[in-house]
Amino acid sequence: MKLERVEVVHIALPLVTPFRTSFGTMTTKDTFLLRVVTDAAEGWSEFAADPEPLYCSEFVAGAEIVLRDFLLPRVAALPDLTAAALAPAMAKIKGHELAKAALETAVLDAELRAYGMPLATYLGSVRDRVPAGVSVGIKESVPALLDDVERYLAEGYVRIKLKIEPGWDVDPIRAVRERFGDALPLQVDANTAYSLADAEHLRRLDEFGLLLIEEPLEENNLHAHTRLQQRIATPVCLDESLHSARDTASALAMDACRVVNVKPARVGGYLEARRIHDVAHAHGVPVWCGGMLETGIGRAPNLALAALPGCTLPGDTSASSRYFAEDITEPFVLEEGHLPVPRTPGIGIAPLPEALRRFTTARRDLYGGRAGR
């Protein structure tokens, strides 16, 4: 393939309810889509981070600059454009995994569309549908939390994840267990809100039979997570600390985690995400696919990843209606607690033109088109 044009499409979609974590509260999904046009096909992807560098160091405006000035010139210089060639071409640019993931995914979408191959087939997915979990943000009160959990269970979600932070942990977890029983698959996500000094407090969570506690301590501190895992029975799951298959191998060797959450955007794309899955699966460690409040453009390829053989725990691949009253793609609808894995070529979905028009705030060419004149 040859690269002809790359367009960035800024979008803003209101969330159906505010989503609060230990990092802050989101009311709108404000990001950009990337549209890559080649001589064979076009491809789409979604930049997964936010306008501010709160969850991670990358942010919307910065990613656009990195793509335009540093990543695209290297990719455009490739004699033959393939998704597999992108990572080596971009390797000298340090970090910026989410920007790299957006570019790789859009190119991969175009490449697979040209071949007529679904992403699920390319990755080696083994299921036609995947069980859907749901992430429940920090609420103003325990009764409000219980109402939300009850509603999500009534909708059919098979696993509940509670966001926690100091001051919002033991009591809400206990309330959910008492209301919905010990059989409910339940896990918690701290988003790095605690320190190793909180180990004795976190050990109090052992009584609730949680599937896991996700990223309890500061990002990238594998040693501290190892120390914590030695002191608590609840399996530690790493998320923000795992940037590559190499990180994952190190974390498993150190017993810093016993469950792996892989977010393709955070690790540079679906090719590295597949390698992370393979490392964990080879060690017998459960994997699940995390979410970053994606639109359908980001949700579709995540479902393909979640259908890999090592993804044995329900992921955060919720239905579109969990976050958006209207999406920019055909909505993903929960069926008996599961979501279907797209089976059409590429990532299996594309924006609906009219919906995309209404939610678009700006469009710019980063390569070719007006950018090339």
Protein backbone atom coordinates (compact mmCIF):
# COMPACT_ATOMS: atom_id res chain seq x y z
CA MET A 1 0.00 0.00 0.00
CA LYS A 2 0.94 3.64 -0.45
CA LEU A 3 -0.10 6.39 1.93
CA GLU A 4 -2.17 9.10 0.22
CA ARG A 5 -3.86 11.09 2.97
CA VAL A 6 -4.27 11.20 6.76
CA GLU A 7 -7.11 13.21 8.28
CA VAL A 8 -7.80 13.96 11.94
CA VAL A 9 -11.46 14.34 12.92
CA HIS A 10 -12.07 15.90 16.32
CA ILE A 11 -15.25 14.72 18.03
CA ALA A 12 -17.13 15.42 21.27
CA LEU A 13 -19.82 13.03 22.50
CA PRO A 14 -21.71 13.71 25.75
CA LEU A 15 -21.73 10.82 28.23
CA VAL A 16 -25.10 9.61 29.47
CA THR A 17 -23.87 10.11 33.06
CA PRO A 18 -20.68 11.65 34.50
CA PHE A 19 -17.92 9.06 34.97
CA ARG A 20 -15.79 9.65 38.06
CA THR A 21 -12.50 7.92 38.90
CA SER A 22 -9.64 8.78 41.25
CA PHE A 23 -8.24 10.92 38.39
CA GLY A 24 -11.32 13.12 37.98
CA THR A 25 -14.78 13.26 36.40
CA MET A 26 -15.59 12.99 32.69
CA THR A 27 -18.82 14.31 31.18
CA THR A 28 -17.84 14.23 27.49
CA LYS A 29 -15.74 11.96 25.30
CA ASP A 30 -13.58 14.62 23.66
CA THR A 31 -10.94 13.17 21.35
CA PHE A 32 -10.17 12.59 17.67
CA LEU A 33 -10.53 9.90 15.05
CA LEU A 34 -7.81 9.19 12.53
CA ARG A 35 -8.74 8.46 8.91
CA VAL A 36 -5.98 6.97 6.78
CA VAL A 37 -6.45 6.80 3.01
CA THR A 38 -4.20 4.52 0.96
CA ASP A 39 -4.19 3.50 -2.67
CA ALA A 40 -5.92 0.24 -1.66
CA ALA A 41 -8.45 1.16 1.05
CA GLU A 42 -9.14 3.56 3.88
CA GLY A 43 -8.92 2.85 7.60
CA TRP A 44 -10.20 4.37 10.83
CA SER A 45 -9.01 4.49 14.43
CA GLU A 46 -9.65 6.40 17.65
CA PHE A 47 -7.16 8.23 19.86
CA ALA A 48 -7.94 6.91 23.33
CA ALA A 49 -6.64 9.65 25.65
CA ASP A 50 -8.26 12.88 26.77
CA PRO A 51 -7.76 16.65 26.30
CA GLU A 52 -5.76 16.79 29.56
CA PRO A 53 -2.81 14.57 30.60
CA LEU A 54 -4.46 13.24 33.79
CA TYR A 55 -4.90 9.52 33.12
CA CYS A 56 -1.63 9.36 31.15
CA SER A 57 1.03 11.71 29.82
CA GLU A 58 -0.48 11.90 26.34
CA PHE A 59 -3.30 14.29 25.44
CA VAL A 60 -5.30 15.24 22.37
CA ALA A 61 -3.48 18.38 21.19
CA GLY A 62 -0.05 16.91 21.86
CA ALA A 63 -0.84 13.69 20.01
CA GLU A 64 -1.87 15.59 16.91
CA ILE A 65 1.49 17.39 16.86
CA VAL A 66 3.41 14.15 17.39
CA LEU A 67 1.51 12.46 14.58
CA ARG A 68 1.94 15.34 12.14
CA ASP A 69 5.56 16.29 12.82
CA PHE A 70 7.26 13.05 13.88
CA LEU A 71 5.33 9.85 13.20
CA LEU A 72 3.73 10.48 9.81
CA PRO A 73 6.95 11.62 8.06
CA ARG A 74 8.58 8.30 9.04
CA VAL A 75 5.59 6.23 8.01
CA ALA A 76 5.14 8.10 4.73
CA ALA A 77 8.75 7.29 3.86
CA LEU A 78 8.15 3.54 3.99
CA PRO A 79 8.51 1.96 0.52
CA ASP A 80 5.62 -0.40 1.28
CA LEU A 81 3.04 0.56 3.89
CA THR A 82 2.07 -2.31 6.21
CA ALA A 83 0.96 -2.31 9.83
CA ALA A 84 3.86 -4.59 10.78
CA ALA A 85 6.37 -2.06 9.42
CA LEU A 86 5.07 0.84 11.51
CA ALA A 87 6.55 0.02 14.92
CA PRO A 88 10.15 -0.25 13.61
CA ALA A 89 9.68 2.94 11.61
CA MET A 90 8.41 4.85 14.64
CA ALA A 91 10.75 3.29 17.21
CA LYS A 92 13.16 6.25 17.47
CA ILE A 93 10.32 8.43 18.74
CA LYS A 94 10.30 7.76 22.48
CA GLY A 95 6.99 6.96 24.13
CA HIS A 96 3.73 8.33 22.68
CA GLU A 97 2.23 4.84 22.58
CA LEU A 98 -1.35 6.08 22.23
CA ALA A 99 -0.51 8.24 19.20
CA LYS A 100 1.40 5.32 17.67
CA ALA A 101 -1.54 3.01 18.38
CA ALA A 102 -3.95 5.33 16.58
CA LEU A 103 -1.78 5.39 13.48
CA GLU A 104 -1.03 1.65 13.50
CA THR A 105 -4.70 0.75 13.98
CA ALA A 106 -5.89 2.95 11.13
CA VAL A 107 -3.24 1.49 8.80
CA LEU A 108 -4.10 -2.03 9.96
CA ASP A 109 -7.79 -1.35 9.30
CA ALA A 110 -6.99 -0.21 5.77
CA GLU A 111 -4.66 -3.15 5.15
CA LEU A 112 -7.16 -5.74 6.34
CA ARG A 113 -9.99 -4.11 4.38
CA ALA A 114 -7.82 -4.39 1.26
CA TYR A 115 -7.31 -8.11 1.95
CA GLY A 116 -10.94 -8.68 2.95
CA MET A 117 -9.86 -10.03 6.34
CA PRO A 118 -11.50 -9.28 9.72
CA LEU A 119 -9.26 -8.12 12.56
CA ALA A 120 -10.55 -11.03 14.67
CA THR A 121 -9.19 -13.50 12.11
CA TYR A 122 -5.88 -11.63 11.87
CA LEU A 123 -5.37 -11.67 15.65
CA GLY A 124 -6.44 -15.29 16.06
CA SER A 125 -9.68 -14.78 17.97
CA VAL A 126 -11.50 -17.96 18.96
CA ARG A 127 -14.96 -16.71 19.95
CA ASP A 128 -17.84 -15.11 18.07
CA ARG A 129 -19.00 -13.18 21.13
CA VAL A 130 -17.43 -12.08 24.40
CA PRO A 131 -18.86 -11.64 27.91
CA ALA A 132 -19.34 -8.01 28.83
CA GLY A 133 -18.37 -6.41 32.12
CA VAL A 134 -19.16 -2.88 33.17
CA SER A 135 -17.13 -0.27 35.04
CA VAL A 136 -19.02 1.71 37.69
CA GLY A 137 -17.55 5.08 38.65
CA ILE A 138 -17.29 6.63 42.11
CA LYS A 139 -20.71 7.83 43.24
CA GLU A 140 -22.02 10.48 45.59
CA SER A 141 -23.51 7.87 47.91
CA VAL A 142 -23.70 4.13 48.49
CA PRO A 143 -27.44 4.01 47.65
CA ALA A 144 -26.68 5.64 44.29
CA LEU A 145 -23.98 3.02 43.68
CA LEU A 146 -26.33 0.16 44.52
CA ASP A 147 -28.96 1.56 42.16
CA ASP A 148 -26.42 1.66 39.33
CA VAL A 149 -25.16 -1.87 39.98
CA GLU A 150 -28.73 -3.17 40.10
CA ARG A 151 -29.52 -1.51 36.80
CA TYR A 152 -26.41 -2.90 35.07
CA LEU A 153 -27.11 -6.42 36.32
CA ALA A 154 -30.69 -6.12 35.07
CA GLU A 155 -29.29 -5.13 31.67
CA GLY A 156 -27.32 -8.39 31.64
CA TYR A 157 -23.72 -7.47 32.49
CA VAL A 158 -21.89 -10.51 33.84
CA ARG A 159 -19.20 -8.72 35.85
CA ILE A 160 -19.10 -5.52 37.89
CA LYS A 161 -16.01 -3.35 38.35
CA LEU A 162 -16.06 -0.65 41.02
CA LYS A 163 -13.80 2.37 40.86
CA ILE A 164 -12.27 3.00 44.30
CA GLU A 165 -10.08 5.55 46.05
CA PRO A 166 -9.11 6.24 49.70
CA GLY A 167 -12.36 6.90 51.55
CA TRP A 168 -14.45 5.07 48.93
CA ASP A 169 -13.50 1.40 49.14
CA VAL A 170 -14.42 -0.94 52.01
CA ASP A 171 -17.93 0.38 52.69
CA PRO A 172 -19.20 0.48 49.08
CA ILE A 173 -17.67 -2.93 48.32
CA ARG A 174 -19.29 -4.41 51.41
CA ALA A 175 -22.62 -2.87 50.45
CA VAL A 176 -22.47 -4.38 46.96
CA ARG A 177 -21.58 -7.80 48.35
CA GLU A 178 -24.37 -7.70 50.93
CA ARG A 179 -26.93 -6.57 48.35
CA PHE A 180 -25.99 -8.83 45.43
CA GLY A 181 -24.28 -11.81 47.06
CA ASP A 182 -20.93 -13.55 47.00
CA ALA A 183 -21.54 -15.19 43.62
CA LEU A 184 -21.40 -11.87 41.74
CA PRO A 185 -18.10 -11.58 39.81
CA LEU A 186 -16.75 -8.36 41.35
CA GLN A 187 -13.47 -6.50 40.97
CA VAL A 188 -12.14 -3.07 41.87
CA ASP A 189 -9.94 -0.50 40.14
CA ALA A 190 -7.89 2.03 42.11
CA ASN A 191 -6.22 3.82 39.16
CA THR A 192 -2.97 4.20 41.20
CA ALA A 193 -4.73 5.93 44.13
CA TYR A 194 -2.95 4.11 46.99
CA SER A 195 0.61 3.65 48.30
CA LEU A 196 2.38 0.66 49.81
CA ALA A 197 1.73 2.24 53.22
CA ASP A 198 -1.94 1.36 52.61
CA ALA A 199 -1.20 -2.38 52.38
CA GLU A 200 -2.89 -3.26 55.66
CA HIS A 201 -5.95 -1.28 54.68
CA LEU A 202 -6.09 -2.96 51.26
CA ARG A 203 -5.83 -6.34 52.95
CA ARG A 204 -9.29 -5.64 54.36
CA LEU A 205 -10.60 -6.17 50.83
CA ASP A 206 -9.61 -9.86 50.97
CA GLU A 207 -12.83 -10.73 52.81
CA PHE A 208 -14.94 -9.80 49.79
CA GLY A 209 -13.68 -12.49 47.39
CA LEU A 210 -12.78 -10.06 44.62
CA LEU A 211 -11.61 -11.24 41.21
CA LEU A 212 -8.79 -8.70 41.42
CA ILE A 213 -7.66 -5.25 42.48
CA GLU A 214 -6.48 -3.25 39.49
CA GLU A 215 -3.42 -0.95 39.56
CA PRO A 216 -3.63 -0.12 43.29
CA LEU A 217 -0.24 1.64 43.57
CA GLU A 218 1.73 4.20 41.61
CA GLU A 219 2.29 3.49 37.93
CA ASN A 220 5.42 1.56 36.86
CA ASN A 221 6.44 0.58 40.42
CA LEU A 222 6.62 -3.18 39.93
CA HIS A 223 8.61 -3.72 43.13
CA ALA A 224 5.92 -2.08 45.26
CA HIS A 225 3.20 -4.16 43.61
CA THR A 226 5.24 -7.30 44.34
CA ARG A 227 5.47 -6.28 47.99
CA LEU A 228 1.75 -5.62 48.09
CA GLN A 229 0.88 -8.97 46.48
CA GLN A 230 2.91 -10.69 49.20
CA ARG A 231 0.67 -9.08 51.82
CA ILE A 232 -2.80 -9.48 50.33
CA ALA A 233 -4.72 -12.49 49.01
CA THR A 234 -6.69 -10.55 46.39
CA PRO A 235 -4.94 -10.95 42.99
CA VAL A 236 -3.20 -7.77 41.85
CA CYS A 237 -3.94 -6.81 38.25
CA LEU A 238 -1.66 -4.37 36.43
CA ASP A 239 -2.91 -1.92 33.85
CA GLU A 240 -1.11 1.43 33.59
CA SER A 241 2.22 -0.18 34.56
CA LEU A 242 2.32 -2.52 31.55
CA HIS A 243 3.48 -0.77 28.39
CA SER A 244 4.83 -3.76 26.47
CA ALA A 245 5.26 -7.51 26.39
CA ARG A 246 8.66 -6.99 28.02
CA ASP A 247 7.07 -5.14 30.95
CA THR A 248 4.53 -7.92 31.26
CA ALA A 249 7.20 -10.63 31.36
CA SER A 250 9.07 -8.71 34.07
CA ALA A 251 5.91 -8.18 36.14
CA LEU A 252 5.01 -11.87 35.97
CA ALA A 253 8.54 -12.96 36.86
CA MET A 254 8.45 -10.70 39.92
CA ASP A 255 4.92 -11.78 40.93
CA ALA A 256 3.94 -8.11 40.70
CA CYS A 257 0.60 -9.19 39.23
CA ARG A 258 -1.48 -12.32 38.82
CA VAL A 259 -3.90 -10.87 36.25
CA VAL A 260 -3.15 -8.72 33.19
CA ASN A 261 -5.34 -5.94 31.80
CA VAL A 262 -4.29 -5.10 28.26
CA LYS A 263 -5.41 -1.87 26.62
CA PRO A 264 -4.24 -1.82 23.00
CA ALA A 265 -4.07 1.97 22.86
CA ARG A 266 -1.85 2.17 25.91
CA VAL A 267 0.71 -0.34 24.57
CA GLY A 268 1.13 1.04 21.06
CA GLY A 269 -1.53 -0.94 19.21
CA TYR A 270 -3.05 -4.36 18.61
CA LEU A 271 0.17 -6.05 17.50
CA GLU A 272 1.88 -5.38 20.84
CA ALA A 273 -1.38 -6.12 22.67
CA ARG A 274 -1.40 -9.56 21.05
CA ARG A 275 2.19 -10.15 22.21
CA ILE A 276 1.23 -9.16 25.78
CA HIS A 277 -1.67 -11.61 25.61
CA ASP A 278 0.67 -14.34 24.40
CA VAL A 279 3.18 -13.78 27.22
CA ALA A 280 0.50 -13.88 29.90
CA HIS A 281 -1.30 -16.84 28.34
CA ALA A 282 1.95 -18.81 28.16
CA HIS A 283 2.38 -18.27 31.91
CA GLY A 284 -1.21 -19.33 32.65
CA VAL A 285 -2.12 -15.81 33.78
CA PRO A 286 -5.65 -14.56 33.00
CA VAL A 287 -5.96 -11.63 30.58
CA TRP A 288 -8.82 -9.25 29.96
CA CYS A 289 -9.32 -6.29 27.64
CA GLY A 290 -9.71 -2.93 29.34
CA GLY A 291 -11.59 0.06 28.03
CA MET A 292 -11.08 3.81 27.79
CA LEU A 293 -14.68 4.96 27.17
CA GLU A 294 -14.26 4.37 23.45
CA THR A 295 -16.78 5.14 20.75
CA GLY A 296 -17.70 2.30 18.41
CA ILE A 297 -14.51 2.95 16.43
CA GLY A 298 -12.40 1.93 19.42
CA ARG A 299 -14.85 -0.61 20.84
CA ALA A 300 -15.01 -2.81 17.73
CA PRO A 301 -11.31 -3.79 17.60
CA ASN A 302 -11.26 -4.26 21.39
CA LEU A 303 -13.91 -6.94 20.99
CA ALA A 304 -11.67 -8.78 18.54
CA LEU A 305 -8.85 -8.73 21.08
CA ALA A 306 -11.18 -9.82 23.90
CA ALA A 307 -12.01 -12.95 21.87
CA LEU A 308 -8.43 -14.29 22.07
CA PRO A 309 -7.99 -17.62 23.92
CA GLY A 310 -6.15 -16.15 26.92
CA CYS A 311 -8.82 -13.52 27.61
CA THR A 312 -10.65 -15.62 30.19
CA LEU A 313 -12.11 -12.79 32.28
CA PRO A 314 -14.87 -10.42 31.13
CA GLY A 315 -13.47 -7.11 29.94
CA ASP A 316 -14.69 -3.52 30.00
CA THR A 317 -16.19 -3.95 26.54
CA SER A 318 -19.59 -2.59 27.52
CA ALA A 319 -22.50 -1.84 25.21
CA SER A 320 -22.51 1.54 23.46
CA SER A 321 -25.46 2.68 25.60
CA ARG A 322 -23.33 2.39 28.75
CA TYR A 323 -21.65 5.66 27.80
CA PHE A 324 -23.49 7.27 24.88
CA ALA A 325 -27.12 8.02 24.10
CA GLU A 326 -25.97 8.01 20.47
CA ASP A 327 -22.67 6.72 19.11
CA ILE A 328 -20.93 7.69 15.88
CA THR A 329 -21.23 4.08 14.64
CA GLU A 330 -23.94 1.46 14.67
CA PRO A 331 -24.37 0.69 18.38
CA PHE A 332 -23.07 -2.42 20.09
CA VAL A 333 -26.01 -4.00 21.90
CA LEU A 334 -25.80 -6.41 24.81
CA GLU A 335 -27.30 -9.86 24.11
CA GLU A 336 -27.53 -12.26 27.07
CA GLY A 337 -24.58 -10.53 28.70
CA HIS A 338 -22.38 -10.73 25.60
CA LEU A 339 -21.33 -8.56 22.68
CA PRO A 340 -20.72 -9.88 19.16
CA VAL A 341 -17.22 -9.83 17.69
CA PRO A 342 -17.21 -7.92 14.36
CA ARG A 343 -16.62 -10.24 11.42
CA THR A 344 -16.47 -7.89 8.44
CA PRO A 345 -13.10 -6.81 6.99
CA GLY A 346 -10.81 -4.55 9.01
CA ILE A 347 -11.95 -3.43 12.43
CA GLY A 348 -15.48 -4.29 11.32
CA ILE A 349 -17.11 -0.90 11.66
CA ALA A 350 -17.02 2.64 10.26
CA PRO A 351 -18.54 5.99 11.29
CA LEU A 352 -22.09 6.77 10.28
CA PRO A 353 -21.69 9.91 8.11
CA GLU A 354 -24.59 11.88 9.59
CA ALA A 355 -23.74 11.05 13.22
CA LEU A 356 -20.08 11.84 12.59
CA ARG A 357 -21.03 15.20 11.09
CA ARG A 358 -23.10 16.17 14.14
CA PHE A 359 -20.44 15.23 16.68
CA THR A 360 -17.44 16.62 14.75
CA THR A 361 -15.87 19.79 16.11
CA ALA A 362 -12.97 20.15 13.63
CA ARG A 363 -11.28 18.35 10.73
CA ARG A 364 -7.69 18.75 9.55
CA ASP A 365 -5.39 17.02 7.10
CA LEU A 366 -2.16 15.85 8.70
CA TYR A 367 -0.72 14.38 5.51
CA GLY A 368 -1.75 14.81 1.87
CA GLY A 369 -4.83 16.81 0.97
CA ARG A 370 -4.56 20.41 2.16
CA ALA A 371 -1.59 19.47 4.39
CA GLY A 372 0.39 18.54 1.30
CA ARG A 373 -0.18 21.81 -0.56
